[in-house]
Amino acid sequence: MRFDTEFFVSIFPKLFKMVPYTLWLGCIAFALAFLLGLILEVAYTSKSRILRMLAGIYISYFRSTPYITQLFIFYFGLPQVFPIMRNIVGSSALIITIALNSAAFIAEIIRGGLQSVDKGQREAALSIGMSPFKMYREIILPQAFVAAFPSLGNSFIMMIKNTAVGFTIGVIDILARAKILAASSLNFFEAYIAVGIVYWLVLLVVSKILNYMEKRICKYL
């Protein structure tokens, strides 16, 4: 087998054009996952036994089953039960399922961040007459966010990588574009290596940005 260097080099500009779209998918999914993760954490720590049970089942299911099965159930299975879902496009299904999956992990990350704050600070804040809302806003949440930020950054990176599964339901991202470009010449080996390098470079930049943000947050909070 001969490695087609010309094709390998020529494919990079076409793949990098898909990077903004891939990052957009990851960012929207992360925003939704973070909000859902907060809701799950509130439910999981609430006084309601039913809410705790439902949140626990949700977290257990989405953490314990492969993401691709969740995607296929949502995109191929549920529309057979709920006809209204037949009009959902692949990109929307990808964003929603990534968010649903990642929210289970983010809820655990948030819980870990909250537990990292010393209980004595809560008791001290309440003892001086601070309301629970003000205590969480000014004391607990800033410290919990700093503690959870590295893990949240890792979750964001995982979401960007999970977008690659979108080609299975027709979402044209970096991997799907590479498969299309390689189909005519059958240079799939070169295309997949190029995809790996593109993801590697993009996530190196994302990691650098997240590390910079972490240092800034730790400095001012």
N, C-alpha and C. Protein backbone atom coordinates (compact mmCIF):
# COMPACT_ATOMS: atom_id res chain seq x y z
N MET A 1 0.84 -1.20 0.00
CA MET A 1 0.00 0.00 0.00
C MET A 1 0.87 1.25 0.00
N ARG A 2 0.54 2.19 -0.87
CA ARG A 2 1.30 3.43 -0.97
C ARG A 2 0.56 4.56 -0.26
N PHE A 3 1.27 5.24 0.60
CA PHE A 3 0.67 6.38 1.33
C PHE A 3 0.61 7.57 0.39
N ASP A 4 -0.58 8.09 0.16
CA ASP A 4 -0.78 9.21 -0.77
C ASP A 4 -0.51 10.53 -0.04
N THR A 5 0.73 10.99 -0.13
CA THR A 5 1.12 12.20 0.58
C THR A 5 0.40 13.43 0.05
N GLU A 6 0.20 13.46 -1.26
CA GLU A 6 -0.46 14.63 -1.87
C GLU A 6 -1.89 14.77 -1.35
N PHE A 7 -2.62 13.67 -1.31
CA PHE A 7 -3.98 13.71 -0.78
C PHE A 7 -3.97 14.06 0.70
N PHE A 8 -3.04 13.48 1.43
CA PHE A 8 -2.94 13.71 2.88
C PHE A 8 -2.74 15.19 3.19
N VAL A 9 -1.89 15.86 2.43
CA VAL A 9 -1.63 17.28 2.66
C VAL A 9 -2.81 18.13 2.20
N SER A 10 -3.41 17.75 1.08
CA SER A 10 -4.48 18.57 0.51
C SER A 10 -5.77 18.54 1.32
N ILE A 11 -5.94 17.51 2.14
CA ILE A 11 -7.20 17.36 2.86
C ILE A 11 -7.29 18.26 4.09
N PHE A 12 -6.15 18.71 4.62
CA PHE A 12 -6.16 19.48 5.86
C PHE A 12 -6.97 20.78 5.78
N PRO A 13 -6.77 21.63 4.73
CA PRO A 13 -7.58 22.87 4.68
C PRO A 13 -9.07 22.60 4.67
N LYS A 14 -9.48 21.52 4.02
CA LYS A 14 -10.91 21.20 3.94
C LYS A 14 -11.43 20.72 5.29
N LEU A 15 -10.58 20.02 6.04
CA LEU A 15 -11.00 19.57 7.37
C LEU A 15 -11.05 20.71 8.36
N PHE A 16 -10.08 21.62 8.28
CA PHE A 16 -10.05 22.74 9.21
C PHE A 16 -11.25 23.67 9.01
N LYS A 17 -11.83 23.67 7.83
CA LYS A 17 -13.04 24.47 7.60
C LYS A 17 -14.21 23.98 8.44
N MET A 18 -14.16 22.71 8.85
CA MET A 18 -15.25 22.14 9.64
C MET A 18 -15.05 22.34 11.14
N VAL A 19 -13.90 22.86 11.54
CA VAL A 19 -13.60 23.03 12.97
C VAL A 19 -14.59 23.97 13.66
N PRO A 20 -14.90 25.16 13.09
CA PRO A 20 -15.87 26.04 13.77
C PRO A 20 -17.22 25.36 14.01
N TYR A 21 -17.68 24.57 13.05
CA TYR A 21 -18.96 23.88 13.20
C TYR A 21 -18.89 22.85 14.32
N THR A 22 -17.79 22.11 14.37
CA THR A 22 -17.60 21.11 15.42
C THR A 22 -17.55 21.78 16.79
N LEU A 23 -16.83 22.89 16.90
CA LEU A 23 -16.75 23.61 18.17
C LEU A 23 -18.10 24.18 18.57
N TRP A 24 -18.86 24.63 17.58
CA TRP A 24 -20.21 25.16 17.86
C TRP A 24 -21.09 24.06 18.44
N LEU A 25 -21.03 22.87 17.85
CA LEU A 25 -21.81 21.74 18.38
C LEU A 25 -21.42 21.46 19.83
N GLY A 26 -20.10 21.45 20.09
CA GLY A 26 -19.63 21.16 21.44
C GLY A 26 -20.03 22.23 22.45
N CYS A 27 -19.96 23.49 22.05
CA CYS A 27 -20.28 24.59 22.97
C CYS A 27 -21.77 24.59 23.33
N ILE A 28 -22.64 24.41 22.33
CA ILE A 28 -24.08 24.38 22.61
C ILE A 28 -24.41 23.19 23.51
N ALA A 29 -23.81 22.05 23.21
CA ALA A 29 -24.06 20.86 24.03
C ALA A 29 -23.58 21.07 25.46
N PHE A 30 -22.43 21.73 25.63
CA PHE A 30 -21.90 21.96 26.97
C PHE A 30 -22.81 22.89 27.77
N ALA A 31 -23.30 23.95 27.13
CA ALA A 31 -24.19 24.88 27.83
C ALA A 31 -25.45 24.17 28.32
N LEU A 32 -26.04 23.35 27.45
CA LEU A 32 -27.24 22.60 27.85
C LEU A 32 -26.91 21.58 28.94
N ALA A 33 -25.78 20.90 28.80
CA ALA A 33 -25.39 19.89 29.79
C ALA A 33 -25.13 20.51 31.15
N PHE A 34 -24.52 21.70 31.17
CA PHE A 34 -24.23 22.35 32.44
C PHE A 34 -25.52 22.73 33.15
N LEU A 35 -26.48 23.29 32.42
CA LEU A 35 -27.77 23.66 33.02
C LEU A 35 -28.50 22.43 33.54
N LEU A 36 -28.53 21.38 32.73
CA LEU A 36 -29.19 20.15 33.15
C LEU A 36 -28.46 19.50 34.32
N GLY A 37 -27.13 19.60 34.32
CA GLY A 37 -26.36 19.06 35.43
C GLY A 37 -26.67 19.77 36.74
N LEU A 38 -26.86 21.08 36.68
CA LEU A 38 -27.25 21.83 37.88
C LEU A 38 -28.61 21.37 38.39
N ILE A 39 -29.55 21.19 37.46
CA ILE A 39 -30.89 20.74 37.85
C ILE A 39 -30.82 19.34 38.48
N LEU A 40 -30.03 18.47 37.88
CA LEU A 40 -29.88 17.12 38.41
C LEU A 40 -29.27 17.14 39.81
N GLU A 41 -28.28 18.00 40.02
CA GLU A 41 -27.63 18.08 41.33
C GLU A 41 -28.60 18.59 42.39
N VAL A 42 -29.41 19.59 42.01
CA VAL A 42 -30.42 20.10 42.95
C VAL A 42 -31.41 19.00 43.30
N ALA A 43 -31.85 18.25 42.27
CA ALA A 43 -32.81 17.17 42.52
C ALA A 43 -32.18 16.06 43.35
N TYR A 44 -30.91 15.75 43.07
CA TYR A 44 -30.24 14.64 43.76
C TYR A 44 -29.99 14.93 45.24
N THR A 45 -29.88 16.22 45.57
CA THR A 45 -29.62 16.59 46.96
C THR A 45 -30.85 17.19 47.63
N SER A 46 -32.01 17.13 46.98
CA SER A 46 -33.22 17.71 47.56
C SER A 46 -33.77 16.81 48.67
N LYS A 47 -34.75 17.34 49.37
CA LYS A 47 -35.39 16.57 50.45
C LYS A 47 -36.44 15.60 49.93
N SER A 48 -36.81 15.77 48.66
CA SER A 48 -37.82 14.90 48.07
C SER A 48 -37.21 13.56 47.69
N ARG A 49 -37.76 12.51 48.23
CA ARG A 49 -37.26 11.16 47.93
C ARG A 49 -37.46 10.80 46.47
N ILE A 50 -38.59 11.25 45.90
CA ILE A 50 -38.90 10.94 44.50
C ILE A 50 -37.89 11.62 43.58
N LEU A 51 -37.59 12.91 43.84
CA LEU A 51 -36.63 13.62 43.01
C LEU A 51 -35.24 12.99 43.11
N ARG A 52 -34.86 12.61 44.33
CA ARG A 52 -33.55 11.96 44.50
C ARG A 52 -33.49 10.65 43.73
N MET A 53 -34.59 9.88 43.76
CA MET A 53 -34.62 8.60 43.07
C MET A 53 -34.54 8.79 41.56
N LEU A 54 -35.32 9.75 41.03
CA LEU A 54 -35.33 10.00 39.59
C LEU A 54 -33.97 10.49 39.10
N ALA A 55 -33.37 11.41 39.87
CA ALA A 55 -32.05 11.92 39.49
C ALA A 55 -31.00 10.81 39.55
N GLY A 56 -31.11 9.94 40.55
CA GLY A 56 -30.17 8.83 40.68
C GLY A 56 -30.28 7.85 39.52
N ILE A 57 -31.52 7.55 39.10
CA ILE A 57 -31.72 6.65 37.97
C ILE A 57 -31.17 7.27 36.69
N TYR A 58 -31.43 8.55 36.50
CA TYR A 58 -30.94 9.25 35.30
C TYR A 58 -29.42 9.19 35.25
N ILE A 59 -28.77 9.58 36.34
CA ILE A 59 -27.31 9.62 36.38
C ILE A 59 -26.73 8.22 36.17
N SER A 60 -27.34 7.22 36.81
CA SER A 60 -26.84 5.85 36.68
C SER A 60 -26.96 5.35 35.24
N TYR A 61 -28.09 5.63 34.59
CA TYR A 61 -28.30 5.14 33.22
C TYR A 61 -27.31 5.79 32.24
N PHE A 62 -27.23 7.12 32.26
CA PHE A 62 -26.41 7.80 31.27
C PHE A 62 -24.92 7.64 31.52
N ARG A 63 -24.53 7.33 32.74
CA ARG A 63 -23.12 7.06 33.01
C ARG A 63 -22.72 5.62 32.70
N SER A 64 -23.70 4.73 32.64
CA SER A 64 -23.41 3.29 32.54
C SER A 64 -23.66 2.69 31.16
N THR A 65 -24.23 3.45 30.24
CA THR A 65 -24.51 2.92 28.90
C THR A 65 -23.68 3.68 27.86
N PRO A 66 -23.28 3.00 26.77
CA PRO A 66 -22.48 3.66 25.73
C PRO A 66 -23.23 4.83 25.11
N TYR A 67 -22.48 5.90 24.83
CA TYR A 67 -23.13 7.08 24.27
C TYR A 67 -23.80 6.79 22.94
N ILE A 68 -23.16 5.97 22.10
CA ILE A 68 -23.72 5.75 20.77
C ILE A 68 -25.07 5.04 20.83
N THR A 69 -25.28 4.20 21.84
CA THR A 69 -26.60 3.57 21.99
C THR A 69 -27.65 4.61 22.37
N GLN A 70 -27.27 5.56 23.19
CA GLN A 70 -28.18 6.63 23.57
C GLN A 70 -28.56 7.47 22.35
N LEU A 71 -27.57 7.73 21.49
CA LEU A 71 -27.81 8.49 20.27
C LEU A 71 -28.77 7.75 19.34
N PHE A 72 -28.54 6.45 19.15
CA PHE A 72 -29.38 5.67 18.24
C PHE A 72 -30.80 5.52 18.78
N ILE A 73 -30.92 5.34 20.09
CA ILE A 73 -32.27 5.25 20.69
C ILE A 73 -33.03 6.55 20.45
N PHE A 74 -32.34 7.67 20.65
CA PHE A 74 -32.99 8.98 20.50
C PHE A 74 -33.34 9.27 19.04
N TYR A 75 -32.40 8.98 18.13
CA TYR A 75 -32.58 9.39 16.73
C TYR A 75 -33.38 8.38 15.91
N PHE A 76 -33.16 7.08 16.16
CA PHE A 76 -33.83 6.06 15.37
C PHE A 76 -35.01 5.41 16.10
N GLY A 77 -34.91 5.29 17.42
CA GLY A 77 -35.93 4.56 18.18
C GLY A 77 -37.11 5.40 18.60
N LEU A 78 -36.85 6.52 19.27
CA LEU A 78 -37.95 7.32 19.81
C LEU A 78 -38.89 7.88 18.74
N PRO A 79 -38.40 8.25 17.54
CA PRO A 79 -39.35 8.73 16.52
C PRO A 79 -40.40 7.70 16.12
N GLN A 80 -40.11 6.40 16.34
CA GLN A 80 -41.11 5.37 16.05
C GLN A 80 -42.22 5.36 17.09
N VAL A 81 -41.87 5.83 18.30
CA VAL A 81 -42.85 5.89 19.39
C VAL A 81 -43.54 7.25 19.41
N PHE A 82 -42.77 8.29 19.15
CA PHE A 82 -43.29 9.67 19.14
C PHE A 82 -43.10 10.25 17.74
N PRO A 83 -44.11 10.17 16.88
CA PRO A 83 -43.98 10.63 15.49
C PRO A 83 -43.53 12.08 15.35
N ILE A 84 -43.81 12.91 16.38
CA ILE A 84 -43.41 14.31 16.29
C ILE A 84 -41.90 14.46 16.21
N MET A 85 -41.16 13.46 16.66
CA MET A 85 -39.70 13.53 16.65
C MET A 85 -39.09 13.16 15.30
N ARG A 86 -39.93 12.76 14.34
CA ARG A 86 -39.40 12.35 13.04
C ARG A 86 -38.81 13.50 12.25
N ASN A 87 -39.17 14.72 12.61
CA ASN A 87 -38.67 15.88 11.88
C ASN A 87 -37.37 16.43 12.46
N ILE A 88 -36.88 15.83 13.54
CA ILE A 88 -35.67 16.34 14.16
C ILE A 88 -34.47 16.07 13.26
N VAL A 89 -33.60 17.07 13.11
CA VAL A 89 -32.43 16.94 12.24
C VAL A 89 -31.28 16.32 13.03
N GLY A 90 -30.31 15.80 12.30
CA GLY A 90 -29.20 15.09 12.93
C GLY A 90 -28.40 15.94 13.90
N SER A 91 -28.13 17.19 13.52
CA SER A 91 -27.32 18.05 14.39
C SER A 91 -28.03 18.33 15.72
N SER A 92 -29.35 18.51 15.66
CA SER A 92 -30.11 18.74 16.89
C SER A 92 -30.09 17.50 17.77
N ALA A 93 -30.27 16.34 17.16
CA ALA A 93 -30.23 15.08 17.91
C ALA A 93 -28.86 14.87 18.55
N LEU A 94 -27.82 15.23 17.82
CA LEU A 94 -26.46 15.07 18.34
C LEU A 94 -26.23 15.97 19.55
N ILE A 95 -26.62 17.23 19.44
CA ILE A 95 -26.45 18.18 20.54
C ILE A 95 -27.24 17.73 21.77
N ILE A 96 -28.49 17.36 21.56
CA ILE A 96 -29.35 16.96 22.68
C ILE A 96 -28.80 15.73 23.39
N THR A 97 -28.39 14.72 22.62
CA THR A 97 -27.92 13.48 23.24
C THR A 97 -26.57 13.66 23.93
N ILE A 98 -25.70 14.46 23.35
CA ILE A 98 -24.43 14.75 24.03
C ILE A 98 -24.70 15.47 25.35
N ALA A 99 -25.65 16.41 25.33
CA ALA A 99 -25.99 17.15 26.55
C ALA A 99 -26.61 16.23 27.59
N LEU A 100 -27.52 15.37 27.15
CA LEU A 100 -28.15 14.43 28.09
C LEU A 100 -27.12 13.50 28.72
N ASN A 101 -26.21 13.02 27.90
CA ASN A 101 -25.17 12.11 28.40
C ASN A 101 -24.22 12.82 29.35
N SER A 102 -23.74 13.98 28.95
CA SER A 102 -22.72 14.68 29.74
C SER A 102 -23.28 15.29 31.01
N ALA A 103 -24.57 15.60 31.03
CA ALA A 103 -25.18 16.19 32.22
C ALA A 103 -25.04 15.26 33.42
N ALA A 104 -25.10 13.95 33.19
CA ALA A 104 -24.96 12.99 34.29
C ALA A 104 -23.58 13.09 34.93
N PHE A 105 -22.56 13.28 34.10
CA PHE A 105 -21.20 13.41 34.62
C PHE A 105 -20.99 14.78 35.27
N ILE A 106 -21.57 15.83 34.66
CA ILE A 106 -21.40 17.17 35.19
C ILE A 106 -22.09 17.31 36.55
N ALA A 107 -23.23 16.63 36.73
CA ALA A 107 -23.91 16.67 38.03
C ALA A 107 -22.99 16.13 39.13
N GLU A 108 -22.26 15.06 38.82
CA GLU A 108 -21.32 14.50 39.79
C GLU A 108 -20.14 15.44 40.02
N ILE A 109 -19.70 16.11 38.97
CA ILE A 109 -18.60 17.08 39.10
C ILE A 109 -19.02 18.24 39.99
N ILE A 110 -20.24 18.75 39.78
CA ILE A 110 -20.75 19.85 40.59
C ILE A 110 -20.86 19.42 42.05
N ARG A 111 -21.36 18.22 42.26
CA ARG A 111 -21.49 17.72 43.63
C ARG A 111 -20.12 17.62 44.30
N GLY A 112 -19.14 17.15 43.58
CA GLY A 112 -17.79 17.07 44.13
C GLY A 112 -17.23 18.44 44.46
N GLY A 113 -17.52 19.44 43.59
CA GLY A 113 -17.06 20.79 43.85
C GLY A 113 -17.70 21.38 45.10
N LEU A 114 -19.00 21.15 45.27
CA LEU A 114 -19.70 21.65 46.45
C LEU A 114 -19.19 20.98 47.73
N GLN A 115 -18.90 19.69 47.65
CA GLN A 115 -18.42 18.97 48.82
C GLN A 115 -16.99 19.36 49.19
N SER A 116 -16.26 19.96 48.24
CA SER A 116 -14.88 20.35 48.53
C SER A 116 -14.81 21.60 49.41
N VAL A 117 -15.92 22.34 49.50
CA VAL A 117 -15.95 23.54 50.33
C VAL A 117 -16.17 23.13 51.78
N ASP A 118 -15.33 23.59 52.65
CA ASP A 118 -15.39 23.22 54.06
C ASP A 118 -16.74 23.60 54.68
N LYS A 119 -17.33 22.67 55.42
CA LYS A 119 -18.64 22.92 56.03
C LYS A 119 -18.57 24.05 57.05
N GLY A 120 -17.40 24.27 57.62
CA GLY A 120 -17.26 25.35 58.59
C GLY A 120 -17.57 26.71 58.01
N GLN A 121 -17.30 26.89 56.72
CA GLN A 121 -17.60 28.17 56.08
C GLN A 121 -19.10 28.39 55.98
N ARG A 122 -19.84 27.33 55.75
CA ARG A 122 -21.30 27.46 55.70
C ARG A 122 -21.84 27.83 57.08
N GLU A 123 -21.33 27.14 58.08
CA GLU A 123 -21.79 27.41 59.44
C GLU A 123 -21.44 28.83 59.86
N ALA A 124 -20.24 29.29 59.50
CA ALA A 124 -19.82 30.65 59.85
C ALA A 124 -20.69 31.69 59.16
N ALA A 125 -21.00 31.44 57.86
CA ALA A 125 -21.83 32.39 57.11
C ALA A 125 -23.23 32.48 57.70
N LEU A 126 -23.80 31.35 58.04
CA LEU A 126 -25.15 31.35 58.62
C LEU A 126 -25.16 31.96 60.02
N SER A 127 -24.06 31.78 60.76
CA SER A 127 -24.00 32.29 62.13
C SER A 127 -23.96 33.81 62.19
N ILE A 128 -23.50 34.45 61.12
CA ILE A 128 -23.44 35.92 61.11
C ILE A 128 -24.69 36.52 60.45
N GLY A 129 -25.68 35.67 60.18
CA GLY A 129 -26.96 36.16 59.66
C GLY A 129 -27.06 36.20 58.15
N MET A 130 -26.12 35.59 57.45
CA MET A 130 -26.17 35.58 55.98
C MET A 130 -27.24 34.60 55.52
N SER A 131 -28.05 35.00 54.55
CA SER A 131 -29.09 34.12 54.03
C SER A 131 -28.45 32.97 53.24
N PRO A 132 -29.14 31.83 53.17
CA PRO A 132 -28.59 30.70 52.40
C PRO A 132 -28.29 31.06 50.95
N PHE A 133 -29.16 31.86 50.32
CA PHE A 133 -28.93 32.25 48.92
C PHE A 133 -27.65 33.07 48.79
N LYS A 134 -27.49 34.05 49.67
CA LYS A 134 -26.29 34.89 49.64
C LYS A 134 -25.05 34.09 49.97
N MET A 135 -25.18 33.15 50.89
CA MET A 135 -24.05 32.30 51.26
C MET A 135 -23.55 31.50 50.05
N TYR A 136 -24.50 30.89 49.32
CA TYR A 136 -24.11 30.10 48.16
C TYR A 136 -23.53 30.98 47.06
N ARG A 137 -24.14 32.15 46.86
CA ARG A 137 -23.70 33.03 45.78
C ARG A 137 -22.32 33.61 46.02
N GLU A 138 -22.03 34.00 47.24
CA GLU A 138 -20.80 34.73 47.53
C GLU A 138 -19.68 33.87 48.11
N ILE A 139 -20.02 32.74 48.70
CA ILE A 139 -18.99 31.94 49.38
C ILE A 139 -18.86 30.54 48.80
N ILE A 140 -19.96 29.81 48.73
CA ILE A 140 -19.89 28.40 48.36
C ILE A 140 -19.64 28.20 46.87
N LEU A 141 -20.49 28.80 46.02
CA LEU A 141 -20.41 28.55 44.59
C LEU A 141 -19.09 29.00 43.96
N PRO A 142 -18.55 30.19 44.30
CA PRO A 142 -17.25 30.55 43.71
C PRO A 142 -16.15 29.54 43.99
N GLN A 143 -16.07 29.06 45.23
CA GLN A 143 -15.05 28.07 45.58
C GLN A 143 -15.33 26.72 44.92
N ALA A 144 -16.58 26.34 44.87
CA ALA A 144 -16.94 25.07 44.24
C ALA A 144 -16.64 25.11 42.74
N PHE A 145 -16.87 26.26 42.11
CA PHE A 145 -16.61 26.40 40.68
C PHE A 145 -15.12 26.26 40.38
N VAL A 146 -14.28 26.87 41.23
CA VAL A 146 -12.83 26.75 41.05
C VAL A 146 -12.40 25.29 41.17
N ALA A 147 -12.95 24.59 42.16
CA ALA A 147 -12.59 23.19 42.37
C ALA A 147 -13.06 22.30 41.21
N ALA A 148 -14.21 22.65 40.64
CA ALA A 148 -14.80 21.81 39.59
C ALA A 148 -14.32 22.17 38.19
N PHE A 149 -13.69 23.32 38.03
CA PHE A 149 -13.36 23.82 36.68
C PHE A 149 -12.51 22.85 35.87
N PRO A 150 -11.44 22.27 36.41
CA PRO A 150 -10.65 21.33 35.59
C PRO A 150 -11.46 20.16 35.06
N SER A 151 -12.32 19.60 35.91
CA SER A 151 -13.16 18.48 35.47
C SER A 151 -14.21 18.92 34.46
N LEU A 152 -14.73 20.13 34.63
CA LEU A 152 -15.67 20.66 33.64
C LEU A 152 -14.98 20.86 32.29
N GLY A 153 -13.73 21.31 32.34
CA GLY A 153 -12.96 21.46 31.11
C GLY A 153 -12.75 20.14 30.41
N ASN A 154 -12.48 19.09 31.18
CA ASN A 154 -12.33 17.76 30.59
C ASN A 154 -13.64 17.29 29.97
N SER A 155 -14.75 17.60 30.61
CA SER A 155 -16.06 17.24 30.05
C SER A 155 -16.30 17.95 28.73
N PHE A 156 -15.91 19.21 28.66
CA PHE A 156 -16.07 19.96 27.42
C PHE A 156 -15.26 19.33 26.29
N ILE A 157 -14.03 18.93 26.60
CA ILE A 157 -13.19 18.28 25.60
C ILE A 157 -13.82 16.96 25.14
N MET A 158 -14.36 16.19 26.08
CA MET A 158 -15.02 14.94 25.73
C MET A 158 -16.22 15.18 24.82
N MET A 159 -16.95 16.26 25.06
CA MET A 159 -18.11 16.57 24.23
C MET A 159 -17.69 16.88 22.80
N ILE A 160 -16.59 17.62 22.65
CA ILE A 160 -16.09 17.93 21.30
C ILE A 160 -15.72 16.64 20.58
N LYS A 161 -15.08 15.72 21.28
CA LYS A 161 -14.71 14.45 20.65
C LYS A 161 -15.95 13.61 20.34
N ASN A 162 -16.96 13.69 21.18
CA ASN A 162 -18.19 12.92 20.94
C ASN A 162 -18.94 13.37 19.69
N THR A 163 -18.70 14.61 19.26
CA THR A 163 -19.37 15.08 18.04
C THR A 163 -18.98 14.25 16.83
N ALA A 164 -17.82 13.56 16.91
CA ALA A 164 -17.37 12.74 15.78
C ALA A 164 -18.35 11.60 15.50
N VAL A 165 -19.12 11.20 16.50
CA VAL A 165 -20.10 10.12 16.31
C VAL A 165 -21.25 10.59 15.43
N GLY A 166 -21.36 11.89 15.24
CA GLY A 166 -22.47 12.44 14.46
C GLY A 166 -22.52 11.94 13.02
N PHE A 167 -21.39 11.46 12.48
CA PHE A 167 -21.42 10.98 11.10
C PHE A 167 -22.36 9.78 10.93
N THR A 168 -22.63 9.07 12.04
CA THR A 168 -23.51 7.90 11.97
C THR A 168 -24.97 8.27 11.72
N ILE A 169 -25.31 9.53 11.95
CA ILE A 169 -26.70 9.97 11.70
C ILE A 169 -26.72 11.11 10.68
N GLY A 170 -25.64 11.23 9.91
CA GLY A 170 -25.64 12.18 8.80
C GLY A 170 -25.17 13.58 9.10
N VAL A 171 -24.57 13.81 10.28
CA VAL A 171 -24.04 15.13 10.60
C VAL A 171 -22.67 15.29 9.94
N ILE A 172 -22.51 16.33 9.14
CA ILE A 172 -21.27 16.53 8.41
C ILE A 172 -20.31 17.36 9.26
N ASP A 173 -19.48 16.67 10.03
CA ASP A 173 -18.46 17.34 10.83
C ASP A 173 -17.09 16.99 10.26
N ILE A 174 -16.06 17.06 11.09
CA ILE A 174 -14.70 16.81 10.60
C ILE A 174 -14.56 15.39 10.07
N LEU A 175 -14.99 14.41 10.86
CA LEU A 175 -14.85 13.01 10.45
C LEU A 175 -15.69 12.70 9.22
N ALA A 176 -16.92 13.17 9.20
CA ALA A 176 -17.79 12.91 8.05
C ALA A 176 -17.23 13.54 6.79
N ARG A 177 -16.69 14.75 6.89
CA ARG A 177 -16.08 15.40 5.73
C ARG A 177 -14.90 14.59 5.21
N ALA A 178 -14.10 14.06 6.11
CA ALA A 178 -12.95 13.24 5.70
C ALA A 178 -13.41 11.98 4.97
N LYS A 179 -14.47 11.33 5.44
CA LYS A 179 -14.99 10.13 4.78
C LYS A 179 -15.49 10.46 3.38
N ILE A 180 -16.15 11.60 3.24
CA ILE A 180 -16.66 12.00 1.93
C ILE A 180 -15.51 12.26 0.96
N LEU A 181 -14.49 12.98 1.43
CA LEU A 181 -13.35 13.31 0.58
C LEU A 181 -12.56 12.08 0.19
N ALA A 182 -12.50 11.10 1.09
CA ALA A 182 -11.71 9.90 0.82
C ALA A 182 -12.46 8.88 -0.03
N ALA A 183 -13.78 9.02 -0.15
CA ALA A 183 -14.58 8.00 -0.82
C ALA A 183 -14.21 7.83 -2.29
N SER A 184 -13.89 8.92 -2.98
CA SER A 184 -13.62 8.83 -4.41
C SER A 184 -12.28 8.15 -4.71
N SER A 185 -11.29 8.35 -3.85
CA SER A 185 -9.96 7.79 -4.08
C SER A 185 -9.64 6.60 -3.18
N LEU A 186 -10.54 6.33 -2.22
CA LEU A 186 -10.35 5.23 -1.26
C LEU A 186 -9.12 5.44 -0.38
N ASN A 187 -8.74 6.69 -0.16
CA ASN A 187 -7.61 7.00 0.71
C ASN A 187 -8.09 7.20 2.15
N PHE A 188 -8.76 6.21 2.68
CA PHE A 188 -9.34 6.34 4.02
C PHE A 188 -8.25 6.36 5.10
N PHE A 189 -7.18 5.62 4.89
CA PHE A 189 -6.10 5.60 5.87
C PHE A 189 -5.52 7.01 6.05
N GLU A 190 -5.21 7.68 4.95
CA GLU A 190 -4.68 9.04 5.01
C GLU A 190 -5.69 10.00 5.63
N ALA A 191 -6.97 9.80 5.27
CA ALA A 191 -8.02 10.70 5.77
C ALA A 191 -8.17 10.57 7.28
N TYR A 192 -8.15 9.35 7.79
CA TYR A 192 -8.35 9.15 9.22
C TYR A 192 -7.16 9.65 10.03
N ILE A 193 -5.96 9.50 9.48
CA ILE A 193 -4.79 10.06 10.16
C ILE A 193 -4.90 11.59 10.22
N ALA A 194 -5.35 12.19 9.12
CA ALA A 194 -5.53 13.64 9.07
C ALA A 194 -6.58 14.09 10.09
N VAL A 195 -7.66 13.32 10.21
CA VAL A 195 -8.71 13.64 11.19
C VAL A 195 -8.14 13.62 12.60
N GLY A 196 -7.36 12.60 12.91
CA GLY A 196 -6.75 12.51 14.24
C GLY A 196 -5.84 13.69 14.53
N ILE A 197 -5.07 14.11 13.54
CA ILE A 197 -4.17 15.25 13.74
C ILE A 197 -4.96 16.54 13.94
N VAL A 198 -6.04 16.72 13.16
CA VAL A 198 -6.86 17.93 13.28
C VAL A 198 -7.48 18.00 14.67
N TYR A 199 -8.08 16.91 15.12
CA TYR A 199 -8.67 16.89 16.46
C TYR A 199 -7.59 17.14 17.52
N TRP A 200 -6.45 16.53 17.34
CA TRP A 200 -5.35 16.70 18.29
C TRP A 200 -4.95 18.17 18.41
N LEU A 201 -4.74 18.83 17.27
CA LEU A 201 -4.33 20.23 17.28
C LEU A 201 -5.42 21.13 17.87
N VAL A 202 -6.66 20.88 17.48
CA VAL A 202 -7.76 21.71 17.98
C VAL A 202 -7.88 21.57 19.49
N LEU A 203 -7.81 20.35 19.99
CA LEU A 203 -7.99 20.14 21.42
C LEU A 203 -6.76 20.57 22.22
N LEU A 204 -5.59 20.61 21.59
CA LEU A 204 -4.42 21.20 22.25
C LEU A 204 -4.66 22.68 22.51
N VAL A 205 -5.22 23.36 21.51
CA VAL A 205 -5.52 24.79 21.66
C VAL A 205 -6.60 24.99 22.71
N VAL A 206 -7.65 24.17 22.67
CA VAL A 206 -8.73 24.26 23.66
C VAL A 206 -8.17 24.03 25.06
N SER A 207 -7.29 23.05 25.21
CA SER A 207 -6.70 22.75 26.53
C SER A 207 -5.88 23.93 27.03
N LYS A 208 -5.13 24.57 26.14
CA LYS A 208 -4.34 25.74 26.54
C LYS A 208 -5.24 26.87 27.01
N ILE A 209 -6.34 27.08 26.30
CA ILE A 209 -7.30 28.13 26.67
C ILE A 209 -7.92 27.82 28.04
N LEU A 210 -8.30 26.56 28.24
CA LEU A 210 -8.90 26.17 29.52
C LEU A 210 -7.90 26.31 30.67
N ASN A 211 -6.64 25.96 30.43
CA ASN A 211 -5.62 26.12 31.47
C ASN A 211 -5.41 27.60 31.81
N TYR A 212 -5.44 28.44 30.79
CA TYR A 212 -5.30 29.89 31.03
C TYR A 212 -6.49 30.41 31.83
N MET A 213 -7.70 29.98 31.47
CA MET A 213 -8.90 30.41 32.20
C MET A 213 -8.85 29.93 33.64
N GLU A 214 -8.38 28.71 33.85
CA GLU A 214 -8.29 28.18 35.21
C GLU A 214 -7.37 29.02 36.08
N LYS A 215 -6.23 29.42 35.52
CA LYS A 215 -5.29 30.24 36.29
C LYS A 215 -5.89 31.61 36.60
N ARG A 216 -6.61 32.19 35.64
CA ARG A 216 -7.24 33.49 35.86
C ARG A 216 -8.34 33.40 36.92
N ILE A 217 -9.13 32.32 36.85
CA ILE A 217 -10.21 32.15 37.82
C ILE A 217 -9.65 31.97 39.21
N CYS A 218 -8.61 31.14 39.35
CA CYS A 218 -8.01 30.91 40.66
C CYS A 218 -7.39 32.18 41.22
N LYS A 219 -6.97 33.07 40.34
CA LYS A 219 -6.32 34.30 40.76
C LYS A 219 -7.32 35.31 41.32
N TYR A 220 -8.51 35.36 40.72
CA TYR A 220 -9.46 36.41 41.11
C TYR A 220 -10.59 35.94 42.00
N LEU A 221 -10.72 34.63 42.21
CA LEU A 221 -11.79 34.14 43.08
C LEU A 221 -11.23 33.69 44.42
